[in-house]
Amino acid sequence: MAAEIVAQLRNWVRPRKLGRVIVSSGGFRLPNSDEDIRTPDASFISAEKLLRPTEDYIKLVPDLIFEVKSKSDKLPKLRQKIQEFIELGTVVGVLVDPRSRTMEVYRYQQEKIVLKYRDFLEV
């Protein structure tokens, strides 16, 4: 599921030169800690924020993140991870639960939106 999200996101971002899509092998040094490395399953950084590629972990907050729940993941922990990114400046965080076929969409100081199978998110 995460691979499909990365592929779809990259297919949208790359031809439009909107920024970069980062997979879970990449990570972010969050502004609140030099040691804390966080790795969302998929993320997007706008071109304005990341002017050139880097081999190191980036000290910034992505604009968009996706977390995909696996069998071993606990929903409260994933929600907490997304909330931390949102509080530090991520615009949108999405929690995908393939088993329940739902997506939870988080934005700063807004109620989460829960999408079920065949629902659409309008921006």
C-alpha atoms as a PDB file:
ATOM      1  CA  MET A   1       0.000   0.000   0.000  1.00  0.00           C
ATOM      2  CA  ALA A   2       2.775   2.475   0.887  1.00  0.00           C
ATOM      3  CA  ALA A   3       4.524   1.733  -2.412  1.00  0.00           C
ATOM      4  CA  GLU A   4       1.337   2.542  -4.318  1.00  0.00           C
ATOM      5  CA  ILE A   5       0.948   5.834  -2.437  1.00  0.00           C
ATOM      6  CA  VAL A   6       4.548   6.768  -3.233  1.00  0.00           C
ATOM      7  CA  ALA A   7       4.042   5.870  -6.915  1.00  0.00           C
ATOM      8  CA  GLN A   8       0.823   7.871  -7.252  1.00  0.00           C
ATOM      9  CA  LEU A   9       2.283  10.840  -5.405  1.00  0.00           C
ATOM     10  CA  ARG A  10       5.448  10.798  -7.502  1.00  0.00           C
ATOM     11  CA  ASN A  11       3.392  10.540 -10.704  1.00  0.00           C
ATOM     12  CA  TRP A  12       1.571  13.724  -9.701  1.00  0.00           C
ATOM     13  CA  VAL A  13       4.552  15.689  -8.339  1.00  0.00           C
ATOM     14  CA  ARG A  14       7.373  14.925 -10.779  1.00  0.00           C
ATOM     15  CA  PRO A  15       5.892  16.116 -14.111  1.00  0.00           C
ATOM     16  CA  ARG A  16       4.642  19.299 -12.451  1.00  0.00           C
ATOM     17  CA  LYS A  17       7.981  19.923 -10.713  1.00  0.00           C
ATOM     18  CA  LEU A  18       6.167  20.572  -7.451  1.00  0.00           C
ATOM     19  CA  GLY A  19       8.870  19.219  -5.154  1.00  0.00           C
ATOM     20  CA  ARG A  20      10.149  15.878  -3.920  1.00  0.00           C
ATOM     21  CA  VAL A  21       8.544  12.661  -2.742  1.00  0.00           C
ATOM     22  CA  ILE A  22      10.440  10.922   0.050  1.00  0.00           C
ATOM     23  CA  VAL A  23      10.012   7.237   0.924  1.00  0.00           C
ATOM     24  CA  SER A  24      10.340   5.661   4.358  1.00  0.00           C
ATOM     25  CA  SER A  25      14.064   5.010   3.895  1.00  0.00           C
ATOM     26  CA  GLY A  26      14.531   8.786   4.007  1.00  0.00           C
ATOM     27  CA  GLY A  27      13.919  10.678   7.181  1.00  0.00           C
ATOM     28  CA  PHE A  28      13.601  14.055   8.806  1.00  0.00           C
ATOM     29  CA  ARG A  29      15.386  15.686  11.701  1.00  0.00           C
ATOM     30  CA  LEU A  30      12.522  17.526  13.302  1.00  0.00           C
ATOM     31  CA  PRO A  31      13.132  21.127  14.397  1.00  0.00           C
ATOM     32  CA  ASN A  32      12.472  20.245  18.037  1.00  0.00           C
ATOM     33  CA  SER A  33      15.410  17.789  18.262  1.00  0.00           C
ATOM     34  CA  ASP A  34      18.728  17.150  16.493  1.00  0.00           C
ATOM     35  CA  GLU A  35      18.739  13.456  17.424  1.00  0.00           C
ATOM     36  CA  ASP A  36      15.112  12.592  16.698  1.00  0.00           C
ATOM     37  CA  ILE A  37      14.808  11.099  13.195  1.00  0.00           C
ATOM     38  CA  ARG A  38      11.258  10.482  11.945  1.00  0.00           C
ATOM     39  CA  THR A  39      10.423   8.473   8.851  1.00  0.00           C
ATOM     40  CA  PRO A  40       6.875   8.621   7.482  1.00  0.00           C
ATOM     41  CA  ASP A  41       5.923   5.895   4.999  1.00  0.00           C
ATOM     42  CA  ALA A  42       5.648   8.579   2.309  1.00  0.00           C
ATOM     43  CA  SER A  43       6.064  12.325   2.350  1.00  0.00           C
ATOM     44  CA  PHE A  44       6.163  15.353   0.103  1.00  0.00           C
ATOM     45  CA  ILE A  45       8.354  18.444   0.349  1.00  0.00           C
ATOM     46  CA  SER A  46       7.556  21.459  -1.794  1.00  0.00           C
ATOM     47  CA  ALA A  47      10.214  22.676  -4.215  1.00  0.00           C
ATOM     48  CA  GLU A  48      10.521  25.939  -2.266  1.00  0.00           C
ATOM     49  CA  LYS A  49      11.582  24.099   0.893  1.00  0.00           C
ATOM     50  CA  LEU A  50      14.049  21.642  -0.631  1.00  0.00           C
ATOM     51  CA  LEU A  51      16.084  23.300  -3.331  1.00  0.00           C
ATOM     52  CA  ARG A  52      18.523  20.426  -3.887  1.00  0.00           C
ATOM     53  CA  PRO A  53      18.668  16.710  -3.103  1.00  0.00           C
ATOM     54  CA  THR A  54      20.645  15.595  -0.086  1.00  0.00           C
ATOM     55  CA  GLU A  55      22.056  12.282   1.136  1.00  0.00           C
ATOM     56  CA  ASP A  56      21.634  13.236   4.797  1.00  0.00           C
ATOM     57  CA  TYR A  57      18.501  13.437   6.894  1.00  0.00           C
ATOM     58  CA  ILE A  58      16.803  16.745   6.281  1.00  0.00           C
ATOM     59  CA  LYS A  59      16.194  19.175   9.145  1.00  0.00           C
ATOM     60  CA  LEU A  60      12.744  20.337   8.164  1.00  0.00           C
ATOM     61  CA  VAL A  61       9.138  19.275   8.307  1.00  0.00           C
ATOM     62  CA  PRO A  62       7.495  17.862   5.161  1.00  0.00           C
ATOM     63  CA  ASP A  63       4.356  19.474   3.770  1.00  0.00           C
ATOM     64  CA  LEU A  64       2.457  16.193   3.492  1.00  0.00           C
ATOM     65  CA  ILE A  65       2.929  12.811   5.157  1.00  0.00           C
ATOM     66  CA  PHE A  66       1.317   9.392   4.845  1.00  0.00           C
ATOM     67  CA  GLU A  67       1.404   6.622   7.417  1.00  0.00           C
ATOM     68  CA  VAL A  68       0.101   3.200   6.397  1.00  0.00           C
ATOM     69  CA  LYS A  69      -0.983   0.940   9.251  1.00  0.00           C
ATOM     70  CA  SER A  70       0.635  -2.476   9.195  1.00  0.00           C
ATOM     71  CA  LYS A  71      -0.366  -5.517  11.266  1.00  0.00           C
ATOM     72  CA  SER A  72       2.098  -4.635  14.003  1.00  0.00           C
ATOM     73  CA  ASP A  73       1.272  -0.895  14.156  1.00  0.00           C
ATOM     74  CA  LYS A  74      -0.966   0.550  16.829  1.00  0.00           C
ATOM     75  CA  LEU A  75      -3.351   3.296  15.683  1.00  0.00           C
ATOM     76  CA  PRO A  76      -2.800   5.569  18.728  1.00  0.00           C
ATOM     77  CA  LYS A  77       0.945   5.591  18.121  1.00  0.00           C
ATOM     78  CA  LEU A  78       0.522   6.416  14.416  1.00  0.00           C
ATOM     79  CA  ARG A  79      -1.966   9.188  15.250  1.00  0.00           C
ATOM     80  CA  GLN A  80       0.483  10.623  17.775  1.00  0.00           C
ATOM     81  CA  LYS A  81       3.293  10.568  15.184  1.00  0.00           C
ATOM     82  CA  ILE A  82       1.114  12.394  12.650  1.00  0.00           C
ATOM     83  CA  GLN A  83       0.002  14.920  15.270  1.00  0.00           C
ATOM     84  CA  GLU A  84       3.616  15.710  16.128  1.00  0.00           C
ATOM     85  CA  PHE A  85       4.366  16.446  12.469  1.00  0.00           C
ATOM     86  CA  ILE A  86       1.229  18.619  12.217  1.00  0.00           C
ATOM     87  CA  GLU A  87       2.168  20.601  15.330  1.00  0.00           C
ATOM     88  CA  LEU A  88       5.629  21.251  13.874  1.00  0.00           C
ATOM     89  CA  GLY A  89       4.295  22.550  10.559  1.00  0.00           C
ATOM     90  CA  THR A  90       3.218  19.691   8.305  1.00  0.00           C
ATOM     91  CA  VAL A  91       0.144  20.888   6.414  1.00  0.00           C
ATOM     92  CA  VAL A  92      -1.606  17.538   5.960  1.00  0.00           C
ATOM     93  CA  GLY A  93      -1.088  14.133   7.564  1.00  0.00           C
ATOM     94  CA  VAL A  94      -2.902  11.045   6.309  1.00  0.00           C
ATOM     95  CA  LEU A  95      -3.310   7.765   8.173  1.00  0.00           C
ATOM     96  CA  VAL A  96      -4.238   4.879   5.877  1.00  0.00           C
ATOM     97  CA  ASP A  97      -5.719   1.718   7.371  1.00  0.00           C
ATOM     98  CA  PRO A  98      -5.905  -0.893   4.586  1.00  0.00           C
ATOM     99  CA  ARG A  99      -7.733  -3.396   6.776  1.00  0.00           C
ATOM    100  CA  SER A 100     -10.673  -1.094   7.554  1.00  0.00           C
ATOM    101  CA  ARG A 101     -10.328   0.627   4.169  1.00  0.00           C
ATOM    102  CA  THR A 102     -10.296   4.061   5.763  1.00  0.00           C
ATOM    103  CA  MET A 103      -8.132   7.157   5.668  1.00  0.00           C
ATOM    104  CA  GLU A 104      -7.897   9.738   8.430  1.00  0.00           C
ATOM    105  CA  VAL A 105      -6.885  13.190   7.215  1.00  0.00           C
ATOM    106  CA  TYR A 106      -5.341  15.577   9.745  1.00  0.00           C
ATOM    107  CA  ARG A 107      -4.741  19.326   9.455  1.00  0.00           C
ATOM    108  CA  TYR A 108      -3.557  21.836  12.027  1.00  0.00           C
ATOM    109  CA  GLN A 109      -6.343  22.919  14.397  1.00  0.00           C
ATOM    110  CA  GLN A 110      -9.043  21.205  12.352  1.00  0.00           C
ATOM    111  CA  GLU A 111     -11.194  18.179  12.998  1.00  0.00           C
ATOM    112  CA  LYS A 112      -9.893  15.026  11.380  1.00  0.00           C
ATOM    113  CA  ILE A 113     -11.741  13.824   8.313  1.00  0.00           C
ATOM    114  CA  VAL A 114     -12.412  10.095   8.017  1.00  0.00           C
ATOM    115  CA  LEU A 115     -12.778   8.777   4.495  1.00  0.00           C
ATOM    116  CA  LYS A 116     -14.214   5.368   3.785  1.00  0.00           C
ATOM    117  CA  TYR A 117     -14.016   3.260   0.664  1.00  0.00           C
ATOM    118  CA  ARG A 118     -15.251   5.247  -2.366  1.00  0.00           C
ATOM    119  CA  ASP A 119     -15.305   8.574  -0.514  1.00  0.00           C
ATOM    120  CA  PHE A 120     -13.594  11.585  -2.102  1.00  0.00           C
ATOM    121  CA  LEU A 121     -11.610  14.326  -0.447  1.00  0.00           C
ATOM    122  CA  GLU A 122     -12.238  17.738  -1.931  1.00  0.00           C
ATOM    123  CA  VAL A 123      -9.752  20.479  -1.215  1.00  0.00           C
END
